[in-house]
N, C-alpha and C. Protein backbone atom coordinates (compact mmCIF):
# COMPACT_ATOMS: atom_id res chain seq x y z
N MET A 1 -106.26 90.59 51.73
CA MET A 1 -105.58 89.09 52.04
C MET A 1 -106.77 87.87 52.15
N GLU A 2 -106.91 87.14 51.34
CA GLU A 2 -107.79 85.90 51.68
C GLU A 2 -106.67 84.75 52.47
N MET A 3 -107.50 84.31 53.17
CA MET A 3 -107.10 83.28 54.38
C MET A 3 -107.25 81.97 53.65
N THR A 4 -106.51 81.55 52.63
CA THR A 4 -106.40 80.40 51.91
C THR A 4 -105.50 79.37 53.34
N LEU A 5 -105.86 77.77 52.92
CA LEU A 5 -105.35 76.93 53.81
C LEU A 5 -103.71 77.32 53.51
N PRO A 6 -103.31 77.62 52.55
CA PRO A 6 -102.00 77.62 52.54
C PRO A 6 -101.30 78.99 52.77
N ASN A 7 -102.11 80.09 53.14
CA ASN A 7 -101.95 81.47 53.73
C ASN A 7 -101.71 80.85 55.49
N ILE A 8 -102.68 80.61 55.92
CA ILE A 8 -102.89 79.67 57.19
C ILE A 8 -102.08 78.76 57.54
N LEU A 9 -101.24 78.00 56.81
CA LEU A 9 -100.24 77.16 57.33
C LEU A 9 -98.85 77.91 57.63
N THR A 10 -98.90 79.16 56.51
CA THR A 10 -97.41 80.05 56.84
C THR A 10 -97.77 81.07 58.17
N TRP A 11 -99.26 81.26 58.46
CA TRP A 11 -99.42 81.72 59.92
C TRP A 11 -98.69 81.14 61.03
N LEU A 12 -99.58 79.93 60.87
CA LEU A 12 -99.53 78.78 61.89
C LEU A 12 -97.81 78.69 62.05
N ARG A 13 -97.18 78.89 60.96
CA ARG A 13 -95.42 78.86 61.19
C ARG A 13 -95.12 80.17 62.09
N ILE A 14 -95.44 80.86 62.18
CA ILE A 14 -95.12 82.45 62.47
C ILE A 14 -95.39 81.98 63.66
N VAL A 15 -96.25 81.28 64.50
CA VAL A 15 -96.80 81.43 65.48
C VAL A 15 -96.01 80.16 66.39
N MET A 16 -95.76 79.21 65.33
CA MET A 16 -95.03 78.63 66.22
C MET A 16 -93.41 79.00 66.70
N ILE A 17 -93.38 80.03 66.23
CA ILE A 17 -91.71 80.58 66.54
C ILE A 17 -91.89 80.70 68.19
N PRO A 18 -92.68 81.33 68.58
CA PRO A 18 -92.51 81.60 70.06
C PRO A 18 -92.82 80.39 71.00
N VAL A 19 -93.64 79.42 70.39
CA VAL A 19 -93.87 77.89 70.75
C VAL A 19 -92.51 77.87 71.21
N LEU A 20 -91.77 77.44 70.04
CA LEU A 20 -90.18 76.97 69.87
C LEU A 20 -89.30 77.39 70.82
N GLY A 21 -89.28 78.65 71.00
CA GLY A 21 -88.48 79.18 72.09
C GLY A 21 -89.06 78.96 73.30
N LEU A 22 -90.42 79.04 73.68
CA LEU A 22 -90.83 78.64 75.09
C LEU A 22 -90.32 77.32 75.63
N LEU A 23 -90.21 76.44 74.59
CA LEU A 23 -90.04 74.88 74.73
C LEU A 23 -88.49 74.90 75.48
N PHE A 24 -88.14 75.64 74.17
CA PHE A 24 -86.27 75.41 74.62
C PHE A 24 -85.92 75.79 76.15
N LEU A 25 -86.76 77.18 76.67
CA LEU A 25 -86.65 77.51 77.73
C LEU A 25 -86.77 76.44 78.76
N LEU A 26 -88.00 75.74 78.78
CA LEU A 26 -88.72 74.94 79.89
C LEU A 26 -87.43 73.88 80.43
N PRO A 27 -87.44 74.14 81.63
CA PRO A 27 -86.41 72.70 82.03
C PRO A 27 -87.04 71.83 82.34
N ALA A 28 -87.19 70.78 81.27
CA ALA A 28 -88.01 69.72 81.29
C ALA A 28 -87.28 69.15 80.61
N PRO A 29 -87.34 67.08 80.83
CA PRO A 29 -86.55 66.51 80.50
C PRO A 29 -86.83 66.37 78.45
N TRP A 30 -87.94 66.84 78.85
CA TRP A 30 -88.96 66.23 77.19
C TRP A 30 -88.82 67.79 76.24
N SER A 31 -88.35 68.72 77.10
CA SER A 31 -88.69 70.00 76.22
C SER A 31 -87.27 70.11 74.82
N ASN A 32 -86.38 69.46 74.48
CA ASN A 32 -85.52 69.03 73.68
C ASN A 32 -86.62 68.54 72.58
N GLY A 33 -87.03 67.31 73.15
CA GLY A 33 -87.91 66.31 71.88
C GLY A 33 -89.26 67.31 71.31
N ALA A 34 -89.76 68.13 72.38
CA ALA A 34 -90.82 68.80 72.07
C ALA A 34 -90.79 69.96 71.00
N ALA A 35 -89.14 70.51 71.34
CA ALA A 35 -88.93 71.68 70.61
C ALA A 35 -88.55 71.10 69.15
N ALA A 36 -87.80 70.04 69.11
CA ALA A 36 -87.72 69.30 67.94
C ALA A 36 -89.19 68.74 67.10
N PHE A 37 -89.76 68.49 67.70
CA PHE A 37 -91.42 68.12 66.77
C PHE A 37 -92.18 69.55 66.06
N VAL A 38 -91.77 70.85 67.25
CA VAL A 38 -92.57 71.56 66.53
C VAL A 38 -91.77 72.11 65.59
N PHE A 39 -90.28 72.47 65.33
CA PHE A 39 -89.79 72.55 64.23
C PHE A 39 -89.87 71.77 63.22
N ALA A 40 -90.02 70.25 63.51
CA ALA A 40 -90.29 69.14 62.08
C ALA A 40 -91.50 69.63 61.74
N LEU A 41 -92.32 69.75 62.22
CA LEU A 41 -93.94 70.55 61.92
C LEU A 41 -94.38 71.73 60.99
N ALA A 42 -93.15 72.81 61.73
CA ALA A 42 -93.03 73.93 60.86
C ALA A 42 -92.40 73.35 59.58
N SER A 43 -91.29 72.85 59.43
CA SER A 43 -90.88 72.31 58.51
C SER A 43 -91.56 71.83 57.80
N VAL A 44 -92.86 70.46 58.02
CA VAL A 44 -94.06 70.15 56.81
C VAL A 44 -95.00 71.39 56.57
N THR A 45 -94.87 72.01 57.68
CA THR A 45 -95.98 72.92 56.88
C THR A 45 -95.35 73.90 55.98
N ASP A 46 -94.09 74.16 55.92
CA ASP A 46 -93.26 74.90 55.13
C ASP A 46 -93.59 74.26 53.36
N TRP A 47 -93.44 72.82 53.37
CA TRP A 47 -93.22 72.28 52.20
C TRP A 47 -94.86 72.39 51.37
N LEU A 48 -95.77 72.18 52.97
CA LEU A 48 -97.28 71.80 52.38
C LEU A 48 -97.59 72.87 52.06
N ASP A 49 -97.26 74.34 52.37
CA ASP A 49 -98.20 75.24 51.76
C ASP A 49 -97.87 76.08 50.38
N GLY A 50 -96.61 75.81 50.70
CA GLY A 50 -96.05 76.00 48.70
C GLY A 50 -97.12 74.51 47.81
N PHE A 51 -96.77 73.75 48.56
CA PHE A 51 -97.60 72.19 47.42
C PHE A 51 -98.95 72.84 47.26
N LEU A 52 -99.46 73.16 48.43
CA LEU A 52 -101.04 73.27 48.46
C LEU A 52 -101.53 74.49 47.58
N ALA A 53 -100.15 75.42 47.75
CA ALA A 53 -100.78 76.45 46.92
C ALA A 53 -100.38 76.64 45.47
N ARG A 54 -99.72 75.77 44.72
CA ARG A 54 -99.39 75.22 43.30
C ARG A 54 -100.69 74.37 43.31
N ARG A 55 -100.89 73.35 43.66
CA ARG A 55 -101.92 72.51 43.46
C ARG A 55 -103.03 72.80 43.06
N TRP A 56 -103.73 73.84 44.29
CA TRP A 56 -104.90 74.27 44.18
C TRP A 56 -105.05 76.12 43.65
N ASP A 57 -104.17 75.89 42.98
CA ASP A 57 -103.79 77.70 42.05
C ASP A 57 -104.21 78.64 43.29
N GLN A 58 -103.48 78.03 44.60
CA GLN A 58 -103.95 79.71 45.53
C GLN A 58 -102.98 80.48 45.71
N ALA A 59 -101.91 80.28 44.72
CA ALA A 59 -100.52 81.10 45.51
C ALA A 59 -101.14 82.95 45.47
N SER A 60 -100.39 83.74 45.77
CA SER A 60 -101.12 84.67 46.25
C SER A 60 -99.88 86.04 46.62
N PRO A 61 -99.81 86.65 46.02
CA PRO A 61 -98.73 87.82 46.54
C PRO A 61 -98.28 88.19 47.78
N PHE A 62 -99.28 88.47 48.91
CA PHE A 62 -99.02 87.99 49.99
C PHE A 62 -98.41 86.67 50.72
N GLY A 63 -98.60 85.80 50.09
CA GLY A 63 -98.21 84.33 50.45
C GLY A 63 -96.92 84.28 50.06
N ALA A 64 -96.75 84.80 48.57
CA ALA A 64 -95.31 84.97 48.35
C ALA A 64 -94.48 85.85 49.12
N PHE A 65 -94.99 86.90 49.78
CA PHE A 65 -93.94 87.89 50.60
C PHE A 65 -93.65 87.23 51.97
N LEU A 66 -94.89 86.52 52.85
CA LEU A 66 -95.46 86.10 53.76
C LEU A 66 -94.24 84.48 54.16
N ASP A 67 -94.38 83.59 53.08
CA ASP A 67 -94.11 82.50 53.28
C ASP A 67 -92.49 82.44 53.37
N PRO A 68 -91.50 83.04 52.62
CA PRO A 68 -90.34 82.99 53.07
C PRO A 68 -89.99 83.89 54.40
N VAL A 69 -90.12 84.56 54.31
CA VAL A 69 -90.22 85.62 55.87
C VAL A 69 -90.25 84.53 57.11
N ALA A 70 -91.82 83.59 57.01
CA ALA A 70 -91.68 82.68 58.11
C ALA A 70 -90.51 82.09 58.36
N ASP A 71 -90.12 81.43 56.90
CA ASP A 71 -89.04 80.42 56.98
C ASP A 71 -88.00 81.07 57.57
N LYS A 72 -87.79 82.07 57.29
CA LYS A 72 -86.11 82.77 57.69
C LYS A 72 -86.20 82.75 59.13
N LEU A 73 -87.32 83.50 59.82
CA LEU A 73 -87.38 83.18 61.05
C LEU A 73 -87.51 82.38 62.21
N ILE A 74 -88.28 81.21 61.44
CA ILE A 74 -88.05 80.32 62.33
C ILE A 74 -86.92 78.99 62.08
N VAL A 75 -86.48 79.33 61.13
CA VAL A 75 -84.79 79.41 60.95
C VAL A 75 -83.80 79.71 62.00
N ALA A 76 -83.69 81.22 61.64
CA ALA A 76 -82.67 81.80 62.81
C ALA A 76 -82.97 81.95 64.22
N ILE A 77 -84.43 81.73 64.61
CA ILE A 77 -84.69 81.31 65.88
C ILE A 77 -84.12 79.94 66.00
N ALA A 78 -84.23 79.27 65.54
CA ALA A 78 -84.28 77.69 65.88
C ALA A 78 -82.54 77.86 65.63
N LEU A 79 -81.63 78.14 65.01
CA LEU A 79 -80.11 78.41 64.74
C LEU A 79 -79.75 79.20 66.15
N ILE A 80 -80.26 79.83 66.67
CA ILE A 80 -80.20 80.80 67.55
C ILE A 80 -79.89 79.73 69.03
N ILE A 81 -81.47 78.87 68.86
CA ILE A 81 -81.44 78.05 69.84
C ILE A 81 -80.20 76.98 70.23
N VAL A 82 -79.96 76.67 69.07
CA VAL A 82 -78.77 75.64 68.87
C VAL A 82 -77.63 75.91 69.50
N LEU A 83 -77.72 77.27 69.03
CA LEU A 83 -76.02 77.91 69.10
C LEU A 83 -76.03 78.40 70.76
N VAL A 84 -77.11 78.97 71.39
CA VAL A 84 -77.13 79.36 72.83
C VAL A 84 -77.16 77.85 73.56
N GLU A 85 -77.19 76.80 73.26
CA GLU A 85 -77.59 75.56 74.02
C GLU A 85 -75.83 74.84 73.50
N SER A 86 -75.42 75.13 72.77
CA SER A 86 -73.88 74.86 72.46
C SER A 86 -73.02 76.33 71.85
N PRO A 87 -72.65 76.96 72.81
CA PRO A 87 -71.67 78.16 72.22
C PRO A 87 -70.82 77.83 72.27
N THR A 88 -70.16 77.69 71.11
CA THR A 88 -68.81 77.13 70.63
C THR A 88 -68.79 77.78 68.93
N ALA A 89 -67.33 77.85 68.95
CA ALA A 89 -67.13 77.91 67.20
C ALA A 89 -67.69 77.52 66.19
N LEU A 90 -67.28 75.72 66.66
CA LEU A 90 -67.67 75.10 66.14
C LEU A 90 -69.23 74.92 65.53
N VAL A 91 -70.32 75.65 66.78
CA VAL A 91 -71.70 75.48 65.73
C VAL A 91 -71.98 76.85 65.41
N ALA A 92 -71.06 77.99 65.97
CA ALA A 92 -71.02 79.35 65.66
C ALA A 92 -70.89 79.67 64.16
N ILE A 93 -69.94 79.19 63.66
CA ILE A 93 -69.63 78.98 62.33
C ILE A 93 -70.46 78.87 61.30
N PRO A 94 -71.18 77.65 60.78
CA PRO A 94 -72.52 77.58 59.90
C PRO A 94 -73.90 77.97 60.42
N VAL A 95 -73.95 78.73 61.81
CA VAL A 95 -74.97 79.29 61.94
C VAL A 95 -74.70 80.60 61.29
N ALA A 96 -73.89 81.40 61.83
CA ALA A 96 -73.59 82.59 61.29
C ALA A 96 -73.75 82.73 59.55
N VAL A 97 -73.08 81.76 58.84
CA VAL A 97 -73.05 81.44 57.55
C VAL A 97 -74.14 81.27 56.99
N ILE A 98 -75.07 80.48 57.56
CA ILE A 98 -76.41 80.19 56.88
C ILE A 98 -77.43 81.62 57.09
N ILE A 99 -77.23 82.35 58.39
CA ILE A 99 -78.60 83.48 58.75
C ILE A 99 -77.75 84.64 57.96
N GLY A 100 -76.56 84.83 57.87
CA GLY A 100 -76.01 85.76 56.82
C GLY A 100 -76.06 85.85 55.70
N ARG A 101 -76.13 84.30 55.18
CA ARG A 101 -76.30 83.73 53.55
C ARG A 101 -78.11 84.66 53.65
N GLU A 102 -78.61 84.38 54.49
CA GLU A 102 -80.34 84.26 54.13
C GLU A 102 -80.52 85.84 54.02
N ILE A 103 -79.57 86.45 55.33
CA ILE A 103 -80.20 88.20 55.02
C ILE A 103 -79.50 88.31 53.86
N ALA A 104 -78.20 88.44 53.00
CA ALA A 104 -77.72 88.91 51.80
C ALA A 104 -78.77 87.96 50.91
N VAL A 105 -79.37 87.09 50.97
CA VAL A 105 -80.01 86.87 49.74
C VAL A 105 -81.34 87.80 49.48
N SER A 106 -81.91 87.71 50.91
CA SER A 106 -82.96 88.47 50.74
C SER A 106 -83.02 89.50 49.99
N ALA A 107 -81.49 90.54 50.55
CA ALA A 107 -81.56 92.01 50.20
C ALA A 107 -81.33 91.67 48.40
N LEU A 108 -80.72 90.37 48.44
CA LEU A 108 -80.52 90.51 46.65
C LEU A 108 -81.97 90.31 45.94
N ARG A 109 -82.56 90.14 46.05
CA ARG A 109 -83.93 89.61 46.17
C ARG A 109 -84.73 90.60 45.90
N GLU A 110 -84.51 91.22 47.20
CA GLU A 110 -85.63 92.76 47.24
C GLU A 110 -85.05 93.55 46.19
N TRP A 111 -83.68 93.88 45.59
CA TRP A 111 -82.81 94.80 45.01
C TRP A 111 -82.98 94.22 43.46
N MET A 112 -83.27 92.82 42.90
CA MET A 112 -83.55 92.57 42.19
C MET A 112 -85.04 92.87 41.74
N ALA A 113 -86.01 92.54 42.44
CA ALA A 113 -87.63 93.13 42.41
C ALA A 113 -87.27 94.52 41.72
N GLU A 114 -86.70 95.41 42.83
CA GLU A 114 -86.98 96.53 42.23
C GLU A 114 -86.62 96.78 41.12
N LEU A 115 -85.28 96.21 40.04
CA LEU A 115 -85.13 96.63 38.81
C LEU A 115 -85.89 95.67 37.81
N GLY A 116 -86.99 95.23 38.66
CA GLY A 116 -87.76 94.20 37.83
C GLY A 116 -87.01 92.97 37.21
N GLN A 117 -85.85 92.18 37.87
CA GLN A 117 -85.49 91.07 37.48
C GLN A 117 -85.32 90.12 38.83
N ARG A 118 -86.70 90.29 39.01
CA ARG A 118 -86.76 88.91 40.47
C ARG A 118 -86.65 87.73 40.76
N ALA A 119 -86.86 87.45 38.71
CA ALA A 119 -87.17 86.16 38.46
C ALA A 119 -85.47 85.39 37.99
N SER A 120 -84.96 86.43 37.76
CA SER A 120 -83.41 85.96 37.40
C SER A 120 -82.73 85.13 39.35
N VAL A 121 -83.51 85.54 39.82
CA VAL A 121 -82.54 84.75 41.74
C VAL A 121 -83.84 83.93 41.90
N ALA A 122 -84.66 83.79 41.44
CA ALA A 122 -85.42 82.66 41.86
C ALA A 122 -85.02 81.54 42.60
N VAL A 123 -85.05 80.51 43.44
CA VAL A 123 -85.19 79.48 44.39
C VAL A 123 -84.49 78.68 43.04
N GLY A 124 -83.42 78.11 43.31
CA GLY A 124 -83.42 76.89 42.13
C GLY A 124 -83.12 75.21 42.72
N MET A 125 -82.41 74.60 42.32
CA MET A 125 -82.68 73.21 43.49
C MET A 125 -81.72 72.83 44.19
N THR A 126 -80.62 73.53 44.13
CA THR A 126 -79.54 73.65 45.30
C THR A 126 -80.31 74.18 46.48
N GLY A 127 -81.06 75.08 46.35
CA GLY A 127 -81.43 75.94 47.56
C GLY A 127 -82.44 75.04 48.11
N LYS A 128 -83.07 74.76 47.53
CA LYS A 128 -83.90 73.37 47.77
C LYS A 128 -83.56 72.62 48.47
N VAL A 129 -82.30 72.00 48.23
CA VAL A 129 -81.56 70.91 48.90
C VAL A 129 -80.93 71.37 50.07
N LYS A 130 -80.55 72.40 49.90
CA LYS A 130 -79.97 72.97 50.98
C LYS A 130 -80.92 73.27 52.11
N THR A 131 -82.17 73.62 51.69
CA THR A 131 -83.43 74.08 52.79
C THR A 131 -83.84 72.79 53.45
N ALA A 132 -84.28 71.60 52.59
CA ALA A 132 -84.19 70.09 53.16
C ALA A 132 -83.27 69.69 54.17
N LEU A 133 -82.01 69.86 53.66
CA LEU A 133 -80.52 69.34 54.53
C LEU A 133 -80.79 69.92 56.06
N GLN A 134 -80.95 71.25 56.22
CA GLN A 134 -80.82 71.95 56.92
C GLN A 134 -81.94 71.93 58.01
N MET A 135 -82.99 71.90 57.60
CA MET A 135 -84.47 71.67 58.53
C MET A 135 -84.13 70.10 59.27
N ILE A 136 -83.34 69.11 58.59
CA ILE A 136 -83.34 67.78 59.20
C ILE A 136 -82.39 68.20 60.13
N ALA A 137 -81.26 68.55 59.75
CA ALA A 137 -79.94 68.75 60.65
C ALA A 137 -80.53 69.67 61.98
N ILE A 138 -81.59 70.93 61.73
CA ILE A 138 -81.62 71.51 63.07
C ILE A 138 -82.75 70.19 63.63
N VAL A 139 -83.65 69.83 63.47
CA VAL A 139 -84.33 68.82 64.20
C VAL A 139 -83.20 68.28 64.78
N PHE A 140 -81.94 67.35 64.24
CA PHE A 140 -81.72 66.46 64.78
C PHE A 140 -80.74 67.37 66.17
N LEU A 141 -80.31 68.51 65.52
CA LEU A 141 -79.92 69.41 66.79
C LEU A 141 -80.66 70.03 68.24
N LEU A 142 -81.62 69.77 67.64
CA LEU A 142 -82.27 70.12 68.98
C LEU A 142 -83.07 69.26 69.64
N TYR A 143 -82.91 67.87 68.98
CA TYR A 143 -83.72 66.82 69.81
C TYR A 143 -82.34 66.48 70.43
N ARG A 144 -81.15 65.94 70.07
CA ARG A 144 -80.01 65.84 70.98
C ARG A 144 -79.67 64.47 71.88
N HIS A 145 -81.14 63.70 71.42
CA HIS A 145 -81.03 62.24 71.86
C HIS A 145 -80.75 61.45 71.24
N GLN A 146 -80.20 59.64 71.12
CA GLN A 146 -79.93 59.23 69.95
C GLN A 146 -81.60 58.79 69.70
N ILE A 147 -81.18 58.22 68.43
CA ILE A 147 -82.75 57.80 67.69
C ILE A 147 -81.87 56.31 67.19
N GLU A 148 -82.86 55.23 67.72
CA GLU A 148 -82.11 54.02 67.38
C GLU A 148 -80.47 53.86 67.74
N GLY A 149 -79.95 54.08 68.18
CA GLY A 149 -78.32 53.94 68.66
C GLY A 149 -77.83 55.09 67.33
N ILE A 150 -78.52 56.03 66.99
CA ILE A 150 -77.73 57.09 66.19
C ILE A 150 -77.57 58.84 67.05
N PRO A 151 -76.42 58.79 67.20
CA PRO A 151 -75.97 59.94 67.78
C PRO A 151 -76.42 61.52 67.41
N THR A 152 -77.93 62.09 67.28
CA THR A 152 -78.53 62.95 66.06
C THR A 152 -77.72 64.00 66.36
N TRP A 153 -76.83 64.50 67.21
CA TRP A 153 -76.26 65.80 67.46
C TRP A 153 -74.87 65.79 66.74
N PRO A 154 -73.87 64.74 66.86
CA PRO A 154 -73.13 64.70 65.50
C PRO A 154 -73.40 64.85 64.29
N VAL A 155 -74.37 63.85 64.12
CA VAL A 155 -75.11 63.81 62.78
C VAL A 155 -75.67 65.12 62.30
N GLY A 156 -76.42 65.81 63.13
CA GLY A 156 -76.78 66.57 62.82
C GLY A 156 -76.15 68.09 62.18
N LEU A 157 -74.76 67.96 63.68
CA LEU A 157 -73.89 68.84 62.95
C LEU A 157 -72.70 69.00 61.85
N VAL A 158 -73.02 67.85 61.18
CA VAL A 158 -72.23 67.21 60.18
C VAL A 158 -73.12 68.03 59.15
N MET A 159 -74.57 67.41 59.07
CA MET A 159 -75.60 68.03 58.23
C MET A 159 -75.26 69.73 58.03
N LEU A 160 -75.50 70.40 59.20
CA LEU A 160 -75.77 71.54 59.25
C LEU A 160 -74.15 72.07 58.32
N TYR A 161 -73.04 71.72 59.00
CA TYR A 161 -72.36 72.23 58.21
C TYR A 161 -72.56 71.87 56.43
N ALA A 162 -72.65 70.51 56.30
CA ALA A 162 -73.19 70.39 54.61
C ALA A 162 -74.11 71.40 54.19
N ALA A 163 -75.08 72.05 54.85
CA ALA A 163 -75.88 72.81 54.55
C ALA A 163 -75.62 73.87 54.34
N ALA A 164 -74.39 74.43 55.35
CA ALA A 164 -73.90 75.71 55.38
C ALA A 164 -72.84 76.30 54.05
N GLY A 165 -72.52 74.56 53.47
CA GLY A 165 -71.58 74.54 52.32
C GLY A 165 -72.49 74.86 51.24
N LEU A 166 -73.64 74.06 51.25
CA LEU A 166 -75.00 74.60 50.07
C LEU A 166 -74.78 76.00 49.75
N THR A 167 -75.29 76.41 51.31
CA THR A 167 -75.92 77.81 51.27
C THR A 167 -75.09 78.79 50.80
N LEU A 168 -73.48 78.63 51.16
CA LEU A 168 -72.38 79.23 50.00
C LEU A 168 -72.45 79.26 48.84
N TYR A 169 -72.42 77.92 48.56
CA TYR A 169 -72.71 77.39 47.10
C TYR A 169 -73.64 78.02 46.22
N SER A 170 -75.00 78.20 46.86
CA SER A 170 -76.18 78.88 46.35
C SER A 170 -75.89 79.94 46.51
N MET A 171 -75.90 80.71 47.18
CA MET A 171 -75.19 82.27 47.51
C MET A 171 -74.61 82.62 46.20
N VAL A 172 -73.42 82.04 45.65
CA VAL A 172 -72.64 81.93 44.88
C VAL A 172 -73.04 82.12 43.57
N LEU A 173 -74.22 81.27 43.55
CA LEU A 173 -75.18 80.78 42.21
C LEU A 173 -76.23 82.25 41.97
N TYR A 174 -76.68 82.70 43.36
CA TYR A 174 -77.72 83.68 43.21
C TYR A 174 -77.02 85.08 42.92
N LEU A 175 -75.74 85.20 43.29
CA LEU A 175 -75.04 86.11 42.82
C LEU A 175 -74.63 86.66 41.62
N SER A 176 -74.12 85.02 40.95
CA SER A 176 -73.81 84.98 39.50
C SER A 176 -74.83 85.53 38.97
N ALA A 177 -75.69 84.74 39.05
CA ALA A 177 -77.34 84.97 37.73
C ALA A 177 -77.29 86.50 38.22
N ALA A 178 -77.43 87.18 39.07
CA ALA A 178 -77.80 88.50 39.43
C ALA A 178 -76.54 89.42 38.67
N LEU A 179 -75.51 89.41 38.52
CA LEU A 179 -74.42 89.94 37.98
C LEU A 179 -74.84 89.86 36.59
N ARG A 180 -75.08 88.59 36.23
CA ARG A 180 -75.22 88.40 34.71
C ARG A 180 -76.34 89.46 34.34
N THR A 181 -77.55 89.27 34.97
CA THR A 181 -78.91 90.38 35.17
C THR A 181 -78.65 91.22 34.67
N LEU A 182 -77.98 91.88 35.87
CA LEU A 182 -77.38 93.36 35.68
C LEU A 182 -76.51 94.18 34.48
N ASP A 183 -75.64 92.89 33.98
CA ASP A 183 -74.73 93.32 32.57
C ASP A 183 -76.12 93.57 31.62
N ARG A 184 -76.77 92.46 31.82
CA ARG A 184 -78.14 92.55 30.45
C ARG A 184 -78.38 93.96 30.32
N VAL A 185 -78.99 94.40 31.75
CA VAL A 185 -79.95 95.31 31.82
C VAL A 185 -78.92 96.69 31.59
N GLU A 186 -77.61 96.49 32.28
CA GLU A 186 -77.00 97.94 31.52
C GLU A 186 -76.66 98.03 30.13
N GLN A 187 -76.52 96.80 29.61
CA GLN A 187 -76.13 96.49 28.27
C GLN A 187 -77.11 96.90 27.23
N GLY A 188 -78.44 96.66 28.06
CA GLY A 188 -79.76 96.81 26.94
C GLY A 188 -80.46 98.08 26.86
């Protein structure tokens, strides 16, 4: 494995996971802001590592494997933190939908890859919009303080529900594409 800057950024995102968890556990008035900052930084590195890998032609099989793993891990941990901080059904529903979808779509991609059809379930624009909305929602939910009079918690929760809706929609798109591909493979 070559240690390119995109791969280093992905590893950095993985290192940020325990930092995020530790910041959440600190009994300090600034801990939510620090946790939100770490998650926002991780979100930026998610975009940046992909951008640099494409721009500098440094995409690698290892990076293609590790990047989505890092993304799913930090998102799952952040969502669990949000749920621990507000253990209500209102929060649990979108958290369960998003984490459940990530597991299901990862399994679907793995299955399609085993069939040599991974491209049929490649990330689409809906998935990218869902990810952006989800990342912003999580930053707001972690921060929990007002920004210029804007209450971040309710805004973040609405955005998280919107992300959960897009999550379900994108999962249906992936499943439909996979089923069409499987039909072609079986008939072919």
